C-alpha atoms as a PDB file:
ATOM      1  CA  MET A   1     -19.143  20.870  13.312  1.00  0.00           C
ATOM      2  CA  PRO A   2     -18.460  24.552  12.520  1.00  0.00           C
ATOM      3  CA  SER A   3     -14.994  25.918  13.085  1.00  0.00           C
ATOM      4  CA  PRO A   4     -14.575  28.252  16.091  1.00  0.00           C
ATOM      5  CA  GLU A   5     -14.523  31.346  13.912  1.00  0.00           C
ATOM      6  CA  HIS A   6     -17.866  30.336  12.329  1.00  0.00           C
ATOM      7  CA  ALA A   7     -19.573  29.124  15.493  1.00  0.00           C
ATOM      8  CA  ASP A   8     -22.710  30.854  16.699  1.00  0.00           C
ATOM      9  CA  PRO A   9     -21.528  33.205  19.510  1.00  0.00           C
ATOM     10  CA  ALA A  10     -24.853  32.638  21.284  1.00  0.00           C
ATOM     11  CA  GLU A  11     -24.317  28.863  21.328  1.00  0.00           C
ATOM     12  CA  PRO A  12     -22.421  27.728  24.454  1.00  0.00           C
ATOM     13  CA  GLU A  13     -19.280  25.694  23.917  1.00  0.00           C
ATOM     14  CA  LEU A  14     -19.919  22.032  24.698  1.00  0.00           C
ATOM     15  CA  PRO A  15     -17.658  20.537  27.361  1.00  0.00           C
ATOM     16  CA  VAL A  16     -15.274  17.760  26.364  1.00  0.00           C
ATOM     17  CA  GLY A  17     -15.925  14.269  27.693  1.00  0.00           C
ATOM     18  CA  VAL A  18     -18.720  13.200  30.009  1.00  0.00           C
ATOM     19  CA  GLY A  19     -20.189  14.408  33.254  1.00  0.00           C
ATOM     20  CA  PRO A  20     -20.628  12.488  36.509  1.00  0.00           C
ATOM     21  CA  TRP A  21     -21.886   8.912  36.315  1.00  0.00           C
ATOM     22  CA  PRO A  22     -25.689   9.073  36.218  1.00  0.00           C
ATOM     23  CA  GLY A  23     -27.380   7.902  39.386  1.00  0.00           C
ATOM     24  CA  GLY A  24     -26.183   7.752  42.939  1.00  0.00           C
ATOM     25  CA  VAL A  25     -23.124   6.111  44.433  1.00  0.00           C
ATOM     26  CA  ASP A  26     -25.073   2.883  44.829  1.00  0.00           C
ATOM     27  CA  GLU A  27     -25.400   2.705  41.045  1.00  0.00           C
ATOM     28  CA  TRP A  28     -21.694   3.113  40.272  1.00  0.00           C
ATOM     29  CA  PRO A  29     -20.066   0.161  38.473  1.00  0.00           C
ATOM     30  CA  ASP A  30     -18.470  -2.424  40.746  1.00  0.00           C
ATOM     31  CA  ASP A  31     -15.237  -2.640  38.767  1.00  0.00           C
ATOM     32  CA  PRO A  32     -11.745  -1.792  40.096  1.00  0.00           C
ATOM     33  CA  ARG A  33     -10.820  -0.206  36.761  1.00  0.00           C
ATOM     34  CA  TYR A  34     -13.123   2.726  37.451  1.00  0.00           C
ATOM     35  CA  ASP A  35     -11.874   5.833  39.245  1.00  0.00           C
ATOM     36  CA  ARG A  36     -14.289   6.921  41.935  1.00  0.00           C
ATOM     37  CA  GLU A  37     -13.260  10.585  41.668  1.00  0.00           C
ATOM     38  CA  LEU A  38     -13.995  10.555  37.930  1.00  0.00           C
ATOM     39  CA  LEU A  39     -17.310   8.819  38.502  1.00  0.00           C
ATOM     40  CA  ALA A  40     -18.243  11.621  40.899  1.00  0.00           C
ATOM     41  CA  ALA A  41     -16.918  14.602  38.958  1.00  0.00           C
ATOM     42  CA  GLY A  42     -16.995  13.480  35.341  1.00  0.00           C
ATOM     43  CA  ASP A  43     -14.257  12.523  32.889  1.00  0.00           C
ATOM     44  CA  ARG A  44     -13.017  15.366  30.663  1.00  0.00           C
ATOM     45  CA  ARG A  45      -9.834  13.625  29.490  1.00  0.00           C
ATOM     46  CA  ASN A  46      -8.943  13.093  25.837  1.00  0.00           C
ATOM     47  CA  VAL A  47      -9.578   9.353  25.867  1.00  0.00           C
ATOM     48  CA  ILE A  48     -11.783   7.098  23.756  1.00  0.00           C
ATOM     49  CA  ASP A  49     -15.216   6.206  25.120  1.00  0.00           C
ATOM     50  CA  ARG A  50     -14.065   2.713  26.077  1.00  0.00           C
ATOM     51  CA  TYR A  51     -11.799   4.244  28.737  1.00  0.00           C
ATOM     52  CA  ARG A  52     -14.232   6.750  30.214  1.00  0.00           C
ATOM     53  CA  TYR A  53     -13.985   6.842  34.019  1.00  0.00           C
ATOM     54  CA  TRP A  54     -11.105   4.321  34.035  1.00  0.00           C
ATOM     55  CA  THR A  55      -8.023   4.956  36.154  1.00  0.00           C
ATOM     56  CA  MET A  56      -4.828   5.799  34.294  1.00  0.00           C
ATOM     57  CA  ASP A  57      -3.201   2.559  35.479  1.00  0.00           C
ATOM     58  CA  ALA A  58      -6.144   0.545  34.164  1.00  0.00           C
ATOM     59  CA  ILE A  59      -5.909   2.238  30.768  1.00  0.00           C
ATOM     60  CA  VAL A  60      -2.158   1.601  30.518  1.00  0.00           C
ATOM     61  CA  ALA A  61      -2.643  -2.046  31.489  1.00  0.00           C
ATOM     62  CA  ASP A  62      -5.309  -2.504  28.837  1.00  0.00           C
ATOM     63  CA  LEU A  63      -3.147  -0.825  26.201  1.00  0.00           C
ATOM     64  CA  ASP A  64      -0.232  -3.062  27.192  1.00  0.00           C
ATOM     65  CA  ALA A  65      -2.361  -6.096  26.382  1.00  0.00           C
ATOM     66  CA  HIS A  66      -2.597  -5.183  22.696  1.00  0.00           C
ATOM     67  CA  ARG A  67       0.181  -2.759  21.779  1.00  0.00           C
ATOM     68  CA  HIS A  68       1.709  -3.275  18.346  1.00  0.00           C
ATOM     69  CA  PRO A  69       5.259  -4.624  17.944  1.00  0.00           C
ATOM     70  CA  PHE A  70       6.676  -1.506  16.286  1.00  0.00           C
ATOM     71  CA  HIS A  71       8.661   1.066  18.246  1.00  0.00           C
ATOM     72  CA  VAL A  72       9.148   4.776  17.537  1.00  0.00           C
ATOM     73  CA  ALA A  73      12.480   6.525  18.091  1.00  0.00           C
ATOM     74  CA  ILE A  74      13.157  10.255  17.807  1.00  0.00           C
ATOM     75  CA  GLU A  75      16.454  12.091  17.813  1.00  0.00           C
ATOM     76  CA  ASN A  76      16.325  14.961  20.299  1.00  0.00           C
ATOM     77  CA  TRP A  77      19.224  17.345  19.720  1.00  0.00           C
ATOM     78  CA  GLN A  78      17.279  20.589  19.207  1.00  0.00           C
ATOM     79  CA  HIS A  79      14.413  20.219  21.721  1.00  0.00           C
ATOM     80  CA  ASP A  80      12.059  19.973  18.735  1.00  0.00           C
ATOM     81  CA  MET A  81       8.422  20.743  19.581  1.00  0.00           C
ATOM     82  CA  ASN A  82       7.351  18.034  17.109  1.00  0.00           C
ATOM     83  CA  ILE A  83       8.460  15.328  19.531  1.00  0.00           C
ATOM     84  CA  GLY A  84       5.342  15.720  21.641  1.00  0.00           C
ATOM     85  CA  SER A  85       3.125  15.388  18.574  1.00  0.00           C
ATOM     86  CA  ILE A  86       5.000  12.247  17.513  1.00  0.00           C
ATOM     87  CA  VAL A  87       4.459  10.749  20.969  1.00  0.00           C
ATOM     88  CA  ARG A  88       0.750  11.540  20.632  1.00  0.00           C
ATOM     89  CA  SER A  89       0.624   9.741  17.281  1.00  0.00           C
ATOM     90  CA  ALA A  90       2.568   6.794  18.700  1.00  0.00           C
ATOM     91  CA  ASN A  91      -0.123   6.448  21.347  1.00  0.00           C
ATOM     92  CA  ALA A  92      -2.894   6.725  18.754  1.00  0.00           C
ATOM     93  CA  PHE A  93      -1.381   3.991  16.569  1.00  0.00           C
ATOM     94  CA  GLY A  94      -0.553   1.675  19.477  1.00  0.00           C
ATOM     95  CA  ALA A  95       3.258   1.744  19.373  1.00  0.00           C
ATOM     96  CA  ALA A  96       5.006  -0.579  21.803  1.00  0.00           C
ATOM     97  CA  GLU A  97       7.326   2.132  23.076  1.00  0.00           C
ATOM     98  CA  VAL A  98       8.771   5.545  22.264  1.00  0.00           C
ATOM     99  CA  HIS A  99      12.538   6.060  22.447  1.00  0.00           C
ATOM    100  CA  ILE A 100      13.976   9.535  22.954  1.00  0.00           C
ATOM    101  CA  VAL A 101      17.553   9.691  21.663  1.00  0.00           C
ATOM    102  CA  GLY A 102      19.802  12.509  22.910  1.00  0.00           C
ATOM    103  CA  ARG A 103      18.563  15.051  25.418  1.00  0.00           C
ATOM    104  CA  ARG A 104      16.536  13.507  28.204  1.00  0.00           C
ATOM    105  CA  ARG A 105      14.213  16.506  28.433  1.00  0.00           C
ATOM    106  CA  TRP A 106      11.800  16.877  25.535  1.00  0.00           C
ATOM    107  CA  ASN A 107       8.968  19.230  24.672  1.00  0.00           C
ATOM    108  CA  ARG A 108       5.818  17.552  25.995  1.00  0.00           C
ATOM    109  CA  ARG A 109       3.366  20.229  24.946  1.00  0.00           C
ATOM    110  CA  GLY A 110       2.315  18.513  21.723  1.00  0.00           C
ATOM    111  CA  ALA A 111       1.806  15.176  23.486  1.00  0.00           C
ATOM    112  CA  MET A 112      -1.400  16.476  25.118  1.00  0.00           C
ATOM    113  CA  VAL A 113      -0.667  14.236  28.165  1.00  0.00           C
ATOM    114  CA  THR A 114      -0.738  11.074  26.019  1.00  0.00           C
ATOM    115  CA  ASP A 115       2.778  10.336  27.307  1.00  0.00           C
ATOM    116  CA  ARG A 116       1.076   9.234  30.536  1.00  0.00           C
ATOM    117  CA  TYR A 117      -0.327   6.258  28.635  1.00  0.00           C
ATOM    118  CA  GLN A 118       2.711   5.582  26.459  1.00  0.00           C
ATOM    119  CA  HIS A 119       5.944   3.870  27.545  1.00  0.00           C
ATOM    120  CA  VAL A 120       8.871   6.221  26.899  1.00  0.00           C
ATOM    121  CA  ARG A 121      12.523   5.154  27.120  1.00  0.00           C
ATOM    122  CA  HIS A 122      15.619   7.366  26.940  1.00  0.00           C
ATOM    123  CA  HIS A 123      18.925   6.643  25.169  1.00  0.00           C
ATOM    124  CA  GLU A 124      21.972   8.870  25.520  1.00  0.00           C
ATOM    125  CA  ASP A 125      22.890   8.594  21.834  1.00  0.00           C
ATOM    126  CA  VAL A 126      22.292   6.646  18.632  1.00  0.00           C
ATOM    127  CA  ALA A 127      24.869   4.031  19.647  1.00  0.00           C
ATOM    128  CA  ALA A 128      22.847   3.276  22.789  1.00  0.00           C
ATOM    129  CA  LEU A 129      19.635   2.958  20.771  1.00  0.00           C
ATOM    130  CA  ALA A 130      21.376   0.675  18.275  1.00  0.00           C
ATOM    131  CA  ALA A 131      22.705  -1.522  21.090  1.00  0.00           C
ATOM    132  CA  TRP A 132      19.222  -1.800  22.597  1.00  0.00           C
ATOM    133  CA  ALA A 133      17.713  -2.665  19.201  1.00  0.00           C
ATOM    134  CA  GLU A 134      20.343  -5.334  18.567  1.00  0.00           C
ATOM    135  CA  ASP A 135      19.740  -6.930  21.964  1.00  0.00           C
ATOM    136  CA  ALA A 136      15.980  -6.859  21.342  1.00  0.00           C
ATOM    137  CA  GLY A 137      16.382  -8.280  17.834  1.00  0.00           C
ATOM    138  CA  VAL A 138      14.502  -5.347  16.327  1.00  0.00           C
ATOM    139  CA  PRO A 139      15.787  -3.726  13.095  1.00  0.00           C
ATOM    140  CA  ILE A 140      15.958   0.058  12.820  1.00  0.00           C
ATOM    141  CA  VAL A 141      14.133   1.644   9.882  1.00  0.00           C
ATOM    142  CA  ALA A 142      15.179   5.263   9.368  1.00  0.00           C
ATOM    143  CA  VAL A 143      12.694   7.711   7.872  1.00  0.00           C
ATOM    144  CA  ASP A 144      14.250  10.523   5.839  1.00  0.00           C
ATOM    145  CA  ASN A 145      14.320  11.712   2.229  1.00  0.00           C
ATOM    146  CA  VAL A 146      18.005  11.141   1.634  1.00  0.00           C
ATOM    147  CA  PRO A 147      19.761   9.606  -1.401  1.00  0.00           C
ATOM    148  CA  GLY A 148      19.109   5.878  -1.522  1.00  0.00           C
ATOM    149  CA  SER A 149      15.907   5.937   0.513  1.00  0.00           C
ATOM    150  CA  VAL A 150      12.991   3.787  -0.686  1.00  0.00           C
ATOM    151  CA  PRO A 151       9.376   5.009  -0.837  1.00  0.00           C
ATOM    152  CA  VAL A 152       7.695   3.599   2.253  1.00  0.00           C
ATOM    153  CA  ASP A 153       4.677   2.340   0.299  1.00  0.00           C
ATOM    154  CA  ARG A 154       7.017   0.047  -1.681  1.00  0.00           C
ATOM    155  CA  ALA A 155       9.563  -0.694   1.048  1.00  0.00           C
ATOM    156  CA  ASP A 156       9.932  -3.763   3.214  1.00  0.00           C
ATOM    157  CA  LEU A 157       8.481  -2.645   6.555  1.00  0.00           C
ATOM    158  CA  PRO A 158       9.067  -5.403   9.137  1.00  0.00           C
ATOM    159  CA  GLU A 159       6.359  -6.246  11.650  1.00  0.00           C
ATOM    160  CA  ARG A 160       8.849  -5.861  14.503  1.00  0.00           C
ATOM    161  CA  CYS A 161      10.942  -2.745  13.958  1.00  0.00           C
ATOM    162  CA  VAL A 162      12.015   0.654  15.256  1.00  0.00           C
ATOM    163  CA  LEU A 163      10.845   3.580  13.144  1.00  0.00           C
ATOM    164  CA  LEU A 164      13.503   6.262  13.613  1.00  0.00           C
ATOM    165  CA  PHE A 165      12.671   9.912  12.962  1.00  0.00           C
ATOM    166  CA  GLY A 166      14.835  13.015  12.960  1.00  0.00           C
ATOM    167  CA  GLN A 167      14.453  16.669  13.799  1.00  0.00           C
ATOM    168  CA  GLU A 168      12.466  19.245  11.888  1.00  0.00           C
ATOM    169  CA  GLY A 169      14.837  20.770   9.315  1.00  0.00           C
ATOM    170  CA  PRO A 170      18.102  18.810   9.518  1.00  0.00           C
ATOM    171  CA  GLY A 171      16.426  15.411   9.576  1.00  0.00           C
ATOM    172  CA  LEU A 172      18.336  12.387  10.823  1.00  0.00           C
ATOM    173  CA  SER A 173      21.990  12.548  11.786  1.00  0.00           C
ATOM    174  CA  ASP A 174      24.623  10.626   9.826  1.00  0.00           C
ATOM    175  CA  GLU A 175      24.987   8.310  12.829  1.00  0.00           C
ATOM    176  CA  ALA A 176      21.279   7.491  12.745  1.00  0.00           C
ATOM    177  CA  ILE A 177      21.319   6.729   9.024  1.00  0.00           C
ATOM    178  CA  ALA A 178      24.336   4.477   9.504  1.00  0.00           C
ATOM    179  CA  ALA A 179      22.653   2.570  12.337  1.00  0.00           C
ATOM    180  CA  ALA A 180      19.585   1.750  10.255  1.00  0.00           C
ATOM    181  CA  SER A 181      19.127  -1.439   8.250  1.00  0.00           C
ATOM    182  CA  ALA A 182      16.854   0.433   5.831  1.00  0.00           C
ATOM    183  CA  VAL A 183      15.933   4.024   4.995  1.00  0.00           C
ATOM    184  CA  VAL A 184      12.463   4.930   3.742  1.00  0.00           C
ATOM    185  CA  GLU A 185      10.840   8.136   2.575  1.00  0.00           C
ATOM    186  CA  ILE A 186       7.321   9.400   1.910  1.00  0.00           C
ATOM    187  CA  THR A 187       6.350   9.965  -1.705  1.00  0.00           C
ATOM    188  CA  GLN A 188       5.282  13.581  -2.267  1.00  0.00           C
ATOM    189  CA  TYR A 189       3.541  15.234  -5.192  1.00  0.00           C
ATOM    190  CA  GLY A 190       3.896  18.975  -4.608  1.00  0.00           C
ATOM    191  CA  SER A 191       6.668  21.554  -4.707  1.00  0.00           C
ATOM    192  CA  THR A 192       7.971  21.302  -1.142  1.00  0.00           C
ATOM    193  CA  ARG A 193      10.974  19.107  -0.444  1.00  0.00           C
ATOM    194  CA  SER A 194       9.736  17.799   2.896  1.00  0.00           C
ATOM    195  CA  ILE A 195       6.733  17.709   5.192  1.00  0.00           C
ATOM    196  CA  ASN A 196       6.433  18.445   8.892  1.00  0.00           C
ATOM    197  CA  ALA A 197       8.270  15.894  11.047  1.00  0.00           C
ATOM    198  CA  SER A 198       5.244  14.974  13.130  1.00  0.00           C
ATOM    199  CA  ALA A 199       3.094  14.621   9.999  1.00  0.00           C
ATOM    200  CA  ALA A 200       5.725  12.360   8.426  1.00  0.00           C
ATOM    201  CA  ALA A 201       5.803  10.197  11.543  1.00  0.00           C
ATOM    202  CA  ALA A 202       2.022   9.808  11.508  1.00  0.00           C
ATOM    203  CA  VAL A 203       2.061   8.804   7.826  1.00  0.00           C
ATOM    204  CA  VAL A 204       4.667   6.091   8.375  1.00  0.00           C
ATOM    205  CA  MET A 205       2.976   4.753  11.512  1.00  0.00           C
ATOM    206  CA  TYR A 206      -0.304   4.541   9.626  1.00  0.00           C
ATOM    207  CA  GLU A 207       1.431   2.698   6.789  1.00  0.00           C
ATOM    208  CA  TRP A 208       2.738   0.170   9.314  1.00  0.00           C
ATOM    209  CA  CYS A 209      -0.767  -0.250  10.744  1.00  0.00           C
ATOM    210  CA  ARG A 210      -2.288  -0.587   7.279  1.00  0.00           C
ATOM    211  CA  ARG A 211      -0.064  -3.594   6.681  1.00  0.00           C
ATOM    212  CA  TRP A 212       0.121  -5.245  10.066  1.00  0.00           C
ATOM    213  CA  ALA A 213      -2.602  -4.083  12.461  1.00  0.00           C
END
């Protein structure tokens, strides 16, 4: 597909999703998972084809039936715009839950409304997250390129765990590193010291899925 700047200006932009269900009302599927308003008007949401015309509650319920046992946690001290993108990736890779640590309000723009389908929990601070993880019996795996971290492709990545990410720039706080049972990093081959926080999160989530999904 050509990029927008190379697209034929005479060619109309194709709408996202699907239009109204073909046929009349009598031909609509007799299934409570389907949203009658979407059947009538079309479904332009950013969802996979399996979920076309489904209600949001039906999609969440279906996702709940096969979410993966890893959690994603993000420190939120700077209102980092990457948080929304990390939530979007957590949805894409089937994370059990996303944990926002610090400020309750977070920048949802990058989530592209995927937070509607993803369970999100708030913790006041790292200590609260650590207490929750201990009660749940889920180890915390911090992701940051700090001294002593282990390349994630060679690290022990438990099936049940919390992947903890920091802010763009400063990375994880000292409290977060101390709360983790392991610290992993992403092997890099260029000149830059670090990669974008949301990109790093996606890489580590994919590595978990490569092993366990």
